[in-house]
């Protein structure tokens, strides 16, 4: 299973970024192979529609799960239509977030958060 985590940096020690559309990076983990890669978030520099750009990008990566802090209404709608599960987590190191996911310790995001939650 591939999971995408919104991140502040490119390393497993980097923190989860609670801003989905405006995070700097997505760390993508394959829980079956242990492989992971880091991609720049195309939505971070968007004047508007950052959540849509970010959601489209992780959908293209064929992930099954997203772990972040908040999903705005537009991003939530795209993620839901793509049948990707979304989970919420605090700003913890990425390696810890993965451990918590594997132990079923995260809460599923079932409703959209506020738009523009992550504006800098």
PDB file of N, CA and C in Angstrom:
ATOM      1  N   UNK A   1       0.853  -1.174   0.000  1.00  0.00           N
ATOM      2  CA  UNK A   1       0.000   0.000   0.000  1.00  0.00           C
ATOM      3  C   UNK A   1       0.899   1.238   0.000  1.00  0.00           C
ATOM      4  N   UNK A   2       0.533   2.216  -0.803  1.00  0.00           N
ATOM      5  CA  UNK A   2       1.284   3.471  -0.842  1.00  0.00           C
ATOM      6  C   UNK A   2       0.552   4.528  -0.020  1.00  0.00           C
ATOM      7  N   UNK A   3       1.330   5.201   0.841  1.00  0.00           N
ATOM      8  CA  UNK A   3       0.759   6.274   1.646  1.00  0.00           C
ATOM      9  C   UNK A   3       1.541   7.557   1.399  1.00  0.00           C
ATOM     10  N   UNK A   4       0.837   8.669   1.341  1.00  0.00           N
ATOM     11  CA  UNK A   4       1.455   9.988   1.166  1.00  0.00           C
ATOM     12  C   UNK A   4       1.276  10.774   2.457  1.00  0.00           C
ATOM     13  N   UNK A   5       2.370  11.370   2.917  1.00  0.00           N
ATOM     14  CA  UNK A   5       2.347  12.150   4.156  1.00  0.00           C
ATOM     15  C   UNK A   5       2.812  13.564   3.845  1.00  0.00           C
ATOM     16  N   UNK A   6       2.027  14.553   4.240  1.00  0.00           N
ATOM     17  CA  UNK A   6       2.442  15.950   4.054  1.00  0.00           C
ATOM     18  C   UNK A   6       3.583  16.229   5.030  1.00  0.00           C
ATOM     19  N   UNK A   7       4.690  16.774   4.500  1.00  0.00           N
ATOM     20  CA  UNK A   7       5.900  16.891   5.309  1.00  0.00           C
ATOM     21  C   UNK A   7       6.558  18.259   5.193  1.00  0.00           C
ATOM     22  N   UNK A   8       7.298  18.608   6.252  1.00  0.00           N
ATOM     23  CA  UNK A   8       8.051  19.863   6.272  1.00  0.00           C
ATOM     24  C   UNK A   8       9.420  19.709   5.627  1.00  0.00           C
ATOM     25  N   UNK A   9       9.896  18.480   5.480  1.00  0.00           N
ATOM     26  CA  UNK A   9      11.231  18.242   4.937  1.00  0.00           C
ATOM     27  C   UNK A   9      11.306  16.943   4.164  1.00  0.00           C
ATOM     28  N   UNK A  10      12.520  16.600   3.750  1.00  0.00           N
ATOM     29  CA  UNK A  10      12.737  15.465   2.863  1.00  0.00           C
ATOM     30  C   UNK A  10      13.231  14.202   3.564  1.00  0.00           C
ATOM     31  N   UNK A  11      13.335  14.227   4.890  1.00  0.00           N
ATOM     32  CA  UNK A  11      13.889  13.094   5.624  1.00  0.00           C
ATOM     33  C   UNK A  11      12.834  12.487   6.546  1.00  0.00           C
ATOM     34  N   UNK A  12      13.049  11.242   6.923  1.00  0.00           N
ATOM     35  CA  UNK A  12      12.096  10.560   7.801  1.00  0.00           C
ATOM     36  C   UNK A  12      12.003  11.208   9.180  1.00  0.00           C
ATOM     37  N   UNK A  13      13.019  11.992   9.530  1.00  0.00           N
ATOM     38  CA  UNK A  13      13.012  12.700  10.811  1.00  0.00           C
ATOM     39  C   UNK A  13      12.262  14.030  10.714  1.00  0.00           C
ATOM     40  N   UNK A  14      11.956  14.465   9.483  1.00  0.00           N
ATOM     41  CA  UNK A  14      11.197  15.709   9.284  1.00  0.00           C
ATOM     42  C   UNK A  14       9.818  15.553   9.908  1.00  0.00           C
ATOM     43  N   UNK A  15       9.191  16.673  10.199  1.00  0.00           N
ATOM     44  CA  UNK A  15       7.868  16.640  10.826  1.00  0.00           C
ATOM     45  C   UNK A  15       6.744  16.588   9.800  1.00  0.00           C
ATOM     46  N   UNK A  16       5.651  15.955  10.192  1.00  0.00           N
ATOM     47  CA  UNK A  16       4.430  16.029   9.402  1.00  0.00           C
ATOM     48  C   UNK A  16       3.999  17.488   9.358  1.00  0.00           C
ATOM     49  N   UNK A  17       3.599  17.952   8.194  1.00  0.00           N
ATOM     50  CA  UNK A  17       3.064  19.308   8.035  1.00  0.00           C
ATOM     51  C   UNK A  17       1.551  19.189   8.042  1.00  0.00           C
ATOM     52  N   UNK A  18       0.896  19.865   8.969  1.00  0.00           N
ATOM     53  CA  UNK A  18      -0.557  19.761   9.094  1.00  0.00           C
ATOM     54  C   UNK A  18      -1.290  20.485   7.972  1.00  0.00           C
ATOM     55  N   UNK A  19      -0.573  21.242   7.156  1.00  0.00           N
ATOM     56  CA  UNK A  19      -1.185  21.962   6.031  1.00  0.00           C
ATOM     57  C   UNK A  19      -1.043  21.105   4.772  1.00  0.00           C
ATOM     58  N   UNK A  20      -2.096  20.487   4.327  1.00  0.00           N
ATOM     59  CA  UNK A  20      -2.035  19.605   3.167  1.00  0.00           C
ATOM     60  C   UNK A  20      -1.663  20.366   1.893  1.00  0.00           C
ATOM     61  N   UNK A  21      -2.445  21.349   1.532  1.00  0.00           N
ATOM     62  CA  UNK A  21      -2.231  22.054   0.268  1.00  0.00           C
ATOM     63  C   UNK A  21      -0.987  22.905   0.236  1.00  0.00           C
ATOM     64  N   UNK A  22      -0.523  23.348   1.377  1.00  0.00           N
ATOM     65  CA  UNK A  22       0.635  24.254   1.449  1.00  0.00           C
ATOM     66  C   UNK A  22       1.878  23.610   2.065  1.00  0.00           C
ATOM     67  N   UNK A  23       1.867  22.299   2.232  1.00  0.00           N
ATOM     68  CA  UNK A  23       3.082  21.650   2.738  1.00  0.00           C
ATOM     69  C   UNK A  23       4.180  21.760   1.676  1.00  0.00           C
ATOM     70  N   UNK A  24       5.421  21.662   2.099  1.00  0.00           N
ATOM     71  CA  UNK A  24       6.527  21.756   1.143  1.00  0.00           C
ATOM     72  C   UNK A  24       6.722  20.464   0.357  1.00  0.00           C
ATOM     73  N   UNK A  25       6.523  19.332   1.021  1.00  0.00           N
ATOM     74  CA  UNK A  25       6.814  18.038   0.399  1.00  0.00           C
ATOM     75  C   UNK A  25       5.733  17.016   0.732  1.00  0.00           C
ATOM     76  N   UNK A  26       5.713  15.961  -0.085  1.00  0.00           N
ATOM     77  CA  UNK A  26       4.983  14.744   0.245  1.00  0.00           C
ATOM     78  C   UNK A  26       6.002  13.622   0.303  1.00  0.00           C
ATOM     79  N   UNK A  27       5.999  12.893   1.407  1.00  0.00           N
ATOM     80  CA  UNK A  27       6.809  11.691   1.502  1.00  0.00           C
ATOM     81  C   UNK A  27       5.877  10.526   1.208  1.00  0.00           C
ATOM     82  N   UNK A  28       6.264   9.715   0.245  1.00  0.00           N
ATOM     83  CA  UNK A  28       5.415   8.611  -0.200  1.00  0.00           C
ATOM     84  C   UNK A  28       6.090   7.293   0.161  1.00  0.00           C
ATOM     85  N   UNK A  29       5.391   6.504   0.974  1.00  0.00           N
ATOM     86  CA  UNK A  29       5.911   5.237   1.469  1.00  0.00           C
ATOM     87  C   UNK A  29       5.130   4.077   0.877  1.00  0.00           C
ATOM     88  N   UNK A  30       5.850   3.018   0.520  1.00  0.00           N
ATOM     89  CA  UNK A  30       5.225   1.771   0.115  1.00  0.00           C
ATOM     90  C   UNK A  30       5.372   0.826   1.303  1.00  0.00           C
ATOM     91  N   UNK A  31       4.277   0.538   1.976  1.00  0.00           N
ATOM     92  CA  UNK A  31       4.338  -0.271   3.191  1.00  0.00           C
ATOM     93  C   UNK A  31       4.669  -1.734   2.899  1.00  0.00           C
ATOM     94  N   UNK A  32       4.512  -2.168   1.653  1.00  0.00           N
ATOM     95  CA  UNK A  32       4.808  -3.560   1.303  1.00  0.00           C
ATOM     96  C   UNK A  32       6.287  -3.767   1.013  1.00  0.00           C
ATOM     97  N   UNK A  33       6.937  -2.785   0.367  1.00  0.00           N
ATOM     98  CA  UNK A  33       8.344  -2.932  -0.019  1.00  0.00           C
ATOM     99  C   UNK A  33       9.300  -2.170   0.893  1.00  0.00           C
ATOM    100  N   UNK A  34       8.772  -1.213   1.654  1.00  0.00           N
ATOM    101  CA  UNK A  34       9.623  -0.375   2.490  1.00  0.00           C
ATOM    102  C   UNK A  34      10.242   0.795   1.747  1.00  0.00           C
ATOM    103  N   UNK A  35       9.997   0.899   0.449  1.00  0.00           N
ATOM    104  CA  UNK A  35      10.542   1.998  -0.348  1.00  0.00           C
ATOM    105  C   UNK A  35       9.835   3.302  -0.009  1.00  0.00           C
ATOM    106  N   UNK A  36      10.572   4.401  -0.162  1.00  0.00           N
ATOM    107  CA  UNK A  36       9.928   5.702  -0.029  1.00  0.00           C
ATOM    108  C   UNK A  36      10.618   6.705  -0.917  1.00  0.00           C
ATOM    109  N   UNK A  37       9.854   7.714  -1.310  1.00  0.00           N
ATOM    110  CA  UNK A  37      10.403   8.803  -2.103  1.00  0.00           C
ATOM    111  C   UNK A  37       9.777  10.098  -1.626  1.00  0.00           C
ATOM    112  N   UNK A  38      10.416  11.186  -1.995  1.00  0.00           N
ATOM    113  CA  UNK A  38       9.944  12.512  -1.614  1.00  0.00           C
ATOM    114  C   UNK A  38       9.686  13.301  -2.884  1.00  0.00           C
ATOM    115  N   UNK A  39       8.526  13.959  -2.935  1.00  0.00           N
ATOM    116  CA  UNK A  39       8.218  14.825  -4.073  1.00  0.00           C
ATOM    117  C   UNK A  39       7.879  16.221  -3.555  1.00  0.00           C
ATOM    118  N   UNK A  40       8.228  17.213  -4.346  1.00  0.00           N
ATOM    119  CA  UNK A  40       7.847  18.588  -4.027  1.00  0.00           C
ATOM    120  C   UNK A  40       6.347  18.737  -4.233  1.00  0.00           C
ATOM    121  N   UNK A  41       5.697  19.482  -3.375  1.00  0.00           N
ATOM    122  CA  UNK A  41       4.269  19.751  -3.508  1.00  0.00           C
ATOM    123  C   UNK A  41       4.071  20.874  -4.517  1.00  0.00           C
ATOM    124  N   UNK A  42       3.424  20.575  -5.620  1.00  0.00           N
ATOM    125  CA  UNK A  42       3.157  21.586  -6.647  1.00  0.00           C
ATOM    126  C   UNK A  42       2.187  22.659  -6.165  1.00  0.00           C
ATOM    127  N   UNK A  43       1.393  22.359  -5.159  1.00  0.00           N
ATOM    128  CA  UNK A  43       0.392  23.301  -4.673  1.00  0.00           C
ATOM    129  C   UNK A  43       0.939  24.392  -3.780  1.00  0.00           C
ATOM    130  N   UNK A  44       2.155  24.208  -3.258  1.00  0.00           N
ATOM    131  CA  UNK A  44       2.689  25.139  -2.264  1.00  0.00           C
ATOM    132  C   UNK A  44       2.794  26.567  -2.783  1.00  0.00           C
ATOM    133  N   UNK A  45       3.055  26.739  -4.069  1.00  0.00           N
ATOM    134  CA  UNK A  45       3.234  28.085  -4.614  1.00  0.00           C
ATOM    135  C   UNK A  45       2.005  28.592  -5.360  1.00  0.00           C
ATOM    136  N   UNK A  46       0.918  27.846  -5.312  1.00  0.00           N
ATOM    137  CA  UNK A  46      -0.306  28.269  -5.993  1.00  0.00           C
ATOM    138  C   UNK A  46      -0.896  29.502  -5.319  1.00  0.00           C
ATOM    139  N   UNK A  47      -1.353  30.441  -6.130  1.00  0.00           N
ATOM    140  CA  UNK A  47      -2.037  31.606  -5.583  1.00  0.00           C
ATOM    141  C   UNK A  47      -3.367  31.219  -4.973  1.00  0.00           C
ATOM    142  N   UNK A  48      -4.011  30.243  -5.542  1.00  0.00           N
ATOM    143  CA  UNK A  48      -5.277  29.706  -5.062  1.00  0.00           C
ATOM    144  C   UNK A  48      -5.384  28.276  -5.540  1.00  0.00           C
ATOM    145  N   UNK A  49      -6.221  27.503  -4.929  1.00  0.00           N
ATOM    146  CA  UNK A  49      -6.406  26.115  -5.343  1.00  0.00           C
ATOM    147  C   UNK A  49      -5.261  25.197  -4.967  1.00  0.00           C
ATOM    148  N   UNK A  50      -4.544  25.539  -3.895  1.00  0.00           N
ATOM    149  CA  UNK A  50      -3.404  24.722  -3.472  1.00  0.00           C
ATOM    150  C   UNK A  50      -3.840  23.306  -3.102  1.00  0.00           C
ATOM    151  N   UNK A  51      -4.969  23.179  -2.429  1.00  0.00           N
ATOM    152  CA  UNK A  51      -5.457  21.864  -2.031  1.00  0.00           C
ATOM    153  C   UNK A  51      -5.817  20.999  -3.219  1.00  0.00           C
ATOM    154  N   UNK A  52      -6.414  21.607  -4.235  1.00  0.00           N
ATOM    155  CA  UNK A  52      -6.769  20.870  -5.450  1.00  0.00           C
ATOM    156  C   UNK A  52      -5.509  20.390  -6.156  1.00  0.00           C
ATOM    157  N   UNK A  53      -4.507  21.281  -6.281  1.00  0.00           N
ATOM    158  CA  UNK A  53      -3.246  20.911  -6.933  1.00  0.00           C
ATOM    159  C   UNK A  53      -2.557  19.781  -6.174  1.00  0.00           C
ATOM    160  N   UNK A  54      -2.518  19.887  -4.855  1.00  0.00           N
ATOM    161  CA  UNK A  54      -1.875  18.864  -4.033  1.00  0.00           C
ATOM    162  C   UNK A  54      -2.630  17.537  -4.121  1.00  0.00           C
ATOM    163  N   UNK A  55      -3.954  17.584  -4.061  1.00  0.00           N
ATOM    164  CA  UNK A  55      -4.758  16.364  -4.148  1.00  0.00           C
ATOM    165  C   UNK A  55      -4.561  15.687  -5.497  1.00  0.00           C
ATOM    166  N   UNK A  56      -4.559  16.461  -6.564  1.00  0.00           N
ATOM    167  CA  UNK A  56      -4.349  15.904  -7.903  1.00  0.00           C
ATOM    168  C   UNK A  56      -2.992  15.218  -7.993  1.00  0.00           C
ATOM    169  N   UNK A  57      -1.997  15.825  -7.380  1.00  0.00           N
ATOM    170  CA  UNK A  57      -0.644  15.283  -7.422  1.00  0.00           C
ATOM    171  C   UNK A  57      -0.546  13.940  -6.697  1.00  0.00           C
ATOM    172  N   UNK A  58      -1.123  13.830  -5.514  1.00  0.00           N
ATOM    173  CA  UNK A  58      -1.030  12.557  -4.800  1.00  0.00           C
ATOM    174  C   UNK A  58      -1.920  11.490  -5.442  1.00  0.00           C
ATOM    175  N   UNK A  59      -3.008  11.900  -6.069  1.00  0.00           N
ATOM    176  CA  UNK A  59      -3.839  10.945  -6.812  1.00  0.00           C
ATOM    177  C   UNK A  59      -3.024  10.344  -7.955  1.00  0.00           C
ATOM    178  N   UNK A  60      -2.242  11.180  -8.651  1.00  0.00           N
ATOM    179  CA  UNK A  60      -1.387  10.700  -9.745  1.00  0.00           C
ATOM    180  C   UNK A  60      -0.322   9.719  -9.256  1.00  0.00           C
ATOM    181  N   UNK A  61       0.045   9.806  -7.996  1.00  0.00           N
ATOM    182  CA  UNK A  61       1.038   8.891  -7.414  1.00  0.00           C
ATOM    183  C   UNK A  61       0.423   7.544  -7.028  1.00  0.00           C
ATOM    184  N   UNK A  62      -0.879   7.388  -7.245  1.00  0.00           N
ATOM    185  CA  UNK A  62      -1.594   6.132  -6.962  1.00  0.00           C
ATOM    186  C   UNK A  62      -1.485   5.700  -5.500  1.00  0.00           C
ATOM    187  N   UNK A  63      -1.633   6.671  -4.603  1.00  0.00           N
ATOM    188  CA  UNK A  63      -1.604   6.322  -3.184  1.00  0.00           C
ATOM    189  C   UNK A  63      -2.981   5.826  -2.746  1.00  0.00           C
ATOM    190  N   UNK A  64      -2.984   5.039  -1.693  1.00  0.00           N
ATOM    191  CA  UNK A  64      -4.235   4.538  -1.117  1.00  0.00           C
ATOM    192  C   UNK A  64      -4.637   5.316   0.119  1.00  0.00           C
ATOM    193  N   UNK A  65      -3.642   6.004   0.724  1.00  0.00           N
ATOM    194  CA  UNK A  65      -3.855   6.697   1.994  1.00  0.00           C
ATOM    195  C   UNK A  65      -3.096   8.017   1.980  1.00  0.00           C
ATOM    196  N   UNK A  66      -3.699   9.037   2.587  1.00  0.00           N
ATOM    197  CA  UNK A  66      -3.040  10.318   2.827  1.00  0.00           C
ATOM    198  C   UNK A  66      -3.061  10.558   4.330  1.00  0.00           C
ATOM    199  N   UNK A  67      -1.918  11.021   4.856  1.00  0.00           N
ATOM    200  CA  UNK A  67      -1.855  11.400   6.269  1.00  0.00           C
ATOM    201  C   UNK A  67      -1.417  12.858   6.326  1.00  0.00           C
ATOM    202  N   UNK A  68      -2.218  13.669   6.979  1.00  0.00           N
ATOM    203  CA  UNK A  68      -1.981  15.109   7.045  1.00  0.00           C
ATOM    204  C   UNK A  68      -2.634  15.644   8.315  1.00  0.00           C
ATOM    205  N   UNK A  69      -2.817  16.929   8.376  1.00  0.00           N
ATOM    206  CA  UNK A  69      -3.520  17.510   9.509  1.00  0.00           C
ATOM    207  C   UNK A  69      -4.935  17.896   9.145  1.00  0.00           C
ATOM    208  N   UNK A  70      -5.066  18.617   8.047  1.00  0.00           N
ATOM    209  CA  UNK A  70      -6.352  19.179   7.647  1.00  0.00           C
ATOM    210  C   UNK A  70      -6.502  19.085   6.134  1.00  0.00           C
ATOM    211  N   UNK A  71      -7.695  18.766   5.678  1.00  0.00           N
ATOM    212  CA  UNK A  71      -8.036  18.799   4.250  1.00  0.00           C
ATOM    213  C   UNK A  71      -9.154  19.807   4.066  1.00  0.00           C
ATOM    214  N   UNK A  72      -8.917  20.807   3.231  1.00  0.00           N
ATOM    215  CA  UNK A  72      -9.966  21.764   2.909  1.00  0.00           C
ATOM    216  C   UNK A  72     -11.062  21.099   2.094  1.00  0.00           C
ATOM    217  N   UNK A  73     -12.181  21.787   1.879  1.00  0.00           N
ATOM    218  CA  UNK A  73     -13.329  21.169   1.211  1.00  0.00           C
ATOM    219  C   UNK A  73     -13.045  20.678  -0.209  1.00  0.00           C
ATOM    220  N   UNK A  74     -12.293  21.425  -0.996  1.00  0.00           N
ATOM    221  CA  UNK A  74     -12.026  21.007  -2.376  1.00  0.00           C
ATOM    222  C   UNK A  74     -11.091  19.810  -2.430  1.00  0.00           C
ATOM    223  N   UNK A  75     -10.042  19.836  -1.624  1.00  0.00           N
ATOM    224  CA  UNK A  75      -9.124  18.699  -1.567  1.00  0.00           C
ATOM    225  C   UNK A  75      -9.845  17.466  -1.031  1.00  0.00           C
ATOM    226  N   UNK A  76     -10.658  17.647   0.005  1.00  0.00           N
ATOM    227  CA  UNK A  76     -11.395  16.530   0.591  1.00  0.00           C
ATOM    228  C   UNK A  76     -12.293  15.876  -0.456  1.00  0.00           C
ATOM    229  N   UNK A  77     -12.982  16.694  -1.238  1.00  0.00           N
ATOM    230  CA  UNK A  77     -13.887  16.168  -2.263  1.00  0.00           C
ATOM    231  C   UNK A  77     -13.128  15.341  -3.299  1.00  0.00           C
ATOM    232  N   UNK A  78     -11.984  15.841  -3.765  1.00  0.00           N
ATOM    233  CA  UNK A  78     -11.191  15.091  -4.749  1.00  0.00           C
ATOM    234  C   UNK A  78     -10.678  13.777  -4.173  1.00  0.00           C
ATOM    235  N   UNK A  79     -10.173  13.828  -2.955  1.00  0.00           N
ATOM    236  CA  UNK A  79      -9.640  12.638  -2.297  1.00  0.00           C
ATOM    237  C   UNK A  79     -10.746  11.601  -2.097  1.00  0.00           C
ATOM    238  N   UNK A  80     -11.912  12.071  -1.686  1.00  0.00           N
ATOM    239  CA  UNK A  80     -13.049  11.173  -1.470  1.00  0.00           C
ATOM    240  C   UNK A  80     -13.483  10.519  -2.783  1.00  0.00           C
ATOM    241  N   UNK A  81     -13.558  11.309  -3.860  1.00  0.00           N
ATOM    242  CA  UNK A  81     -13.950  10.759  -5.166  1.00  0.00           C
ATOM    243  C   UNK A  81     -12.949   9.725  -5.667  1.00  0.00           C
ATOM    244  N   UNK A  82     -11.673   9.913  -5.325  1.00  0.00           N
ATOM    245  CA  UNK A  82     -10.629   8.973  -5.741  1.00  0.00           C
ATOM    246  C   UNK A  82     -10.565   7.746  -4.829  1.00  0.00           C
ATOM    247  N   UNK A  83     -11.448   7.711  -3.825  1.00  0.00           N
ATOM    248  CA  UNK A  83     -11.525   6.605  -2.871  1.00  0.00           C
ATOM    249  C   UNK A  83     -10.209   6.388  -2.127  1.00  0.00           C
ATOM    250  N   UNK A  84      -9.567   7.508  -1.780  1.00  0.00           N
ATOM    251  CA  UNK A  84      -8.349   7.480  -0.975  1.00  0.00           C
ATOM    252  C   UNK A  84      -8.745   7.796   0.465  1.00  0.00           C
ATOM    253  N   UNK A  85      -8.275   6.984   1.391  1.00  0.00           N
ATOM    254  CA  UNK A  85      -8.552   7.244   2.807  1.00  0.00           C
ATOM    255  C   UNK A  85      -7.596   8.321   3.307  1.00  0.00           C
ATOM    256  N   UNK A  86      -8.102   9.194   4.154  1.00  0.00           N
ATOM    257  CA  UNK A  86      -7.289  10.267   4.724  1.00  0.00           C
ATOM    258  C   UNK A  86      -7.310  10.163   6.242  1.00  0.00           C
ATOM    259  N   UNK A  87      -6.148  10.358   6.842  1.00  0.00           N
ATOM    260  CA  UNK A  87      -6.005  10.288   8.290  1.00  0.00           C
ATOM    261  C   UNK A  87      -5.340  11.552   8.806  1.00  0.00           C
ATOM    262  N   UNK A  88      -5.685  11.913  10.031  1.00  0.00           N
ATOM    263  CA  UNK A  88      -5.139  13.102  10.674  1.00  0.00           C
ATOM    264  C   UNK A  88      -4.091  12.706  11.706  1.00  0.00           C
ATOM    265  N   UNK A  89      -3.058  13.544  11.805  1.00  0.00           N
ATOM    266  CA  UNK A  89      -2.013  13.310  12.792  1.00  0.00           C
ATOM    267  C   UNK A  89      -1.419  14.643  13.212  1.00  0.00           C
ATOM    268  N   UNK A  90      -0.841  14.670  14.381  1.00  0.00           N
ATOM    269  CA  UNK A  90      -0.140  15.856  14.871  1.00  0.00           C
ATOM    270  C   UNK A  90       1.195  15.988  14.145  1.00  0.00           C
ATOM    271  N   UNK A  91       1.877  17.098  14.348  1.00  0.00           N
ATOM    272  CA  UNK A  91       3.172  17.363  13.712  1.00  0.00           C
ATOM    273  C   UNK A  91       4.271  16.569  14.417  1.00  0.00           C
ATOM    274  N   UNK A  92       4.375  15.307  14.063  1.00  0.00           N
ATOM    275  CA  UNK A  92       5.362  14.388  14.629  1.00  0.00           C
ATOM    276  C   UNK A  92       6.373  14.019  13.551  1.00  0.00           C
ATOM    277  N   UNK A  93       7.528  13.441  13.929  1.00  0.00           N
ATOM    278  CA  UNK A  93       8.464  12.971  12.904  1.00  0.00           C
ATOM    279  C   UNK A  93       7.789  11.938  11.992  1.00  0.00           C
ATOM    280  N   UNK A  94       8.129  11.990  10.716  1.00  0.00           N
ATOM    281  CA  UNK A  94       7.481  11.133   9.719  1.00  0.00           C
ATOM    282  C   UNK A  94       7.616   9.654  10.073  1.00  0.00           C
ATOM    283  N   UNK A  95       8.795   9.227  10.530  1.00  0.00           N
ATOM    284  CA  UNK A  95       8.957   7.809  10.866  1.00  0.00           C
ATOM    285  C   UNK A  95       7.961   7.395  11.952  1.00  0.00           C
ATOM    286  N   UNK A  96       7.662   8.298  12.870  1.00  0.00           N
ATOM    287  CA  UNK A  96       6.700   8.014  13.947  1.00  0.00           C
ATOM    288  C   UNK A  96       5.275   7.967  13.399  1.00  0.00           C
ATOM    289  N   UNK A  97       4.969   8.851  12.453  1.00  0.00           N
ATOM    290  CA  UNK A  97       3.649   8.862  11.810  1.00  0.00           C
ATOM    291  C   UNK A  97       3.398   7.521  11.118  1.00  0.00           C
ATOM    292  N   UNK A  98       4.406   7.015  10.408  1.00  0.00           N
ATOM    293  CA  UNK A  98       4.272   5.723   9.723  1.00  0.00           C
ATOM    294  C   UNK A  98       4.021   4.610  10.741  1.00  0.00           C
ATOM    295  N   UNK A  99       4.771   4.621  11.836  1.00  0.00           N
ATOM    296  CA  UNK A  99       4.564   3.618  12.892  1.00  0.00           C
ATOM    297  C   UNK A  99       3.142   3.676  13.439  1.00  0.00           C
ATOM    298  N   UNK A 100       2.663   4.884  13.695  1.00  0.00           N
ATOM    299  CA  UNK A 100       1.306   5.046  14.229  1.00  0.00           C
ATOM    300  C   UNK A 100       0.261   4.550  13.235  1.00  0.00           C
ATOM    301  N   UNK A 101       0.467   4.819  11.942  1.00  0.00           N
ATOM    302  CA  UNK A 101      -0.461   4.330  10.925  1.00  0.00           C
ATOM    303  C   UNK A 101      -0.487   2.801  10.935  1.00  0.00           C
ATOM    304  N   UNK A 102       0.683   2.195  10.966  1.00  0.00           N
ATOM    305  CA  UNK A 102       0.764   0.733  10.930  1.00  0.00           C
ATOM    306  C   UNK A 102       0.144   0.086  12.168  1.00  0.00           C
ATOM    307  N   UNK A 103       0.070   0.830  13.267  1.00  0.00           N
ATOM    308  CA  UNK A 103      -0.544   0.319  14.502  1.00  0.00           C
ATOM    309  C   UNK A 103      -2.002   0.769  14.644  1.00  0.00           C
ATOM    310  N   UNK A 104      -2.563   1.338  13.574  1.00  0.00           N
ATOM    311  CA  UNK A 104      -3.952   1.814  13.575  1.00  0.00           C
ATOM    312  C   UNK A 104      -4.224   2.825  14.688  1.00  0.00           C
ATOM    313  N   UNK A 105      -3.296   3.759  14.893  1.00  0.00           N
ATOM    314  CA  UNK A 105      -3.433   4.739  15.963  1.00  0.00           C
ATOM    315  C   UNK A 105      -3.827   6.129  15.459  1.00  0.00           C
ATOM    316  N   UNK A 106      -4.193   6.244  14.188  1.00  0.00           N
ATOM    317  CA  UNK A 106      -4.580   7.538  13.627  1.00  0.00           C
ATOM    318  C   UNK A 106      -6.087   7.591  13.420  1.00  0.00           C
ATOM    319  N   UNK A 107      -6.627   8.799  13.402  1.00  0.00           N
ATOM    320  CA  UNK A 107      -8.062   8.990  13.186  1.00  0.00           C
ATOM    321  C   UNK A 107      -8.329   9.315  11.726  1.00  0.00           C
ATOM    322  N   UNK A 108      -9.344   8.648  11.170  1.00  0.00           N
ATOM    323  CA  UNK A 108      -9.718   8.914   9.780  1.00  0.00           C
ATOM    324  C   UNK A 108     -10.397  10.280   9.680  1.00  0.00           C
ATOM    325  N   UNK A 109     -10.066  11.008   8.633  1.00  0.00           N
ATOM    326  CA  UNK A 109     -10.704  12.298   8.359  1.00  0.00           C
ATOM    327  C   UNK A 109     -12.006  12.001   7.625  1.00  0.00           C
ATOM    328  N   UNK A 110     -13.130  12.336   8.247  1.00  0.00           N
ATOM    329  CA  UNK A 110     -14.428  12.007   7.656  1.00  0.00           C
ATOM    330  C   UNK A 110     -15.178  13.234   7.143  1.00  0.00           C
ATOM    331  N   UNK A 111     -14.684  14.420   7.467  1.00  0.00           N
ATOM    332  CA  UNK A 111     -15.296  15.654   6.969  1.00  0.00           C
ATOM    333  C   UNK A 111     -14.191  16.644   6.613  1.00  0.00           C
ATOM    334  N   UNK A 112     -14.527  17.555   5.732  1.00  0.00           N
ATOM    335  CA  UNK A 112     -13.562  18.579   5.322  1.00  0.00           C
ATOM    336  C   UNK A 112     -13.346  19.586   6.440  1.00  0.00           C
ATOM    337  N   UNK A 113     -12.134  20.107   6.496  1.00  0.00           N
ATOM    338  CA  UNK A 113     -11.832  21.196   7.417  1.00  0.00           C
ATOM    339  C   UNK A 113     -12.113  22.520   6.732  1.00  0.00           C
ATOM    340  N   UNK A 114     -11.691  23.588   7.357  1.00  0.00           N
ATOM    341  CA  UNK A 114     -11.888  24.918   6.786  1.00  0.00           C
ATOM    342  C   UNK A 114     -10.955  25.154   5.609  1.00  0.00           C
ATOM    343  N   UNK A 115     -11.441  25.860   4.614  1.00  0.00           N
ATOM    344  CA  UNK A 115     -10.588  26.276   3.504  1.00  0.00           C
ATOM    345  C   UNK A 115      -9.581  27.290   4.025  1.00  0.00           C
ATOM    346  N   UNK A 116      -8.445  27.346   3.389  1.00  0.00           N
ATOM    347  CA  UNK A 116      -7.377  28.300   3.711  1.00  0.00           C
ATOM    348  C   UNK A 116      -6.816  28.106   5.105  1.00  0.00           C
ATOM    349  N   UNK A 117      -6.956  26.915   5.657  1.00  0.00           N
ATOM    350  CA  UNK A 117      -6.428  26.611   6.990  1.00  0.00           C
ATOM    351  C   UNK A 117      -4.909  26.744   7.031  1.00  0.00           C
ATOM    352  N   UNK A 118      -4.266  26.465   5.901  1.00  0.00           N
ATOM    353  CA  UNK A 118      -2.810  26.413   5.905  1.00  0.00           C
ATOM    354  C   UNK A 118      -2.110  27.592   5.287  1.00  0.00           C
ATOM    355  N   UNK A 119      -2.791  28.701   5.067  1.00  0.00           N
ATOM    356  CA  UNK A 119      -2.130  29.864   4.473  1.00  0.00           C
ATOM    357  C   UNK A 119      -1.010  30.336   5.386  1.00  0.00           C
ATOM    358  N   UNK A 120       0.125  30.652   4.767  1.00  0.00           N
ATOM    359  CA  UNK A 120       1.284  31.124   5.545  1.00  0.00           C
ATOM    360  C   UNK A 120       1.123  32.578   5.888  1.00  0.00           C
TER     361      UNK A 120
END
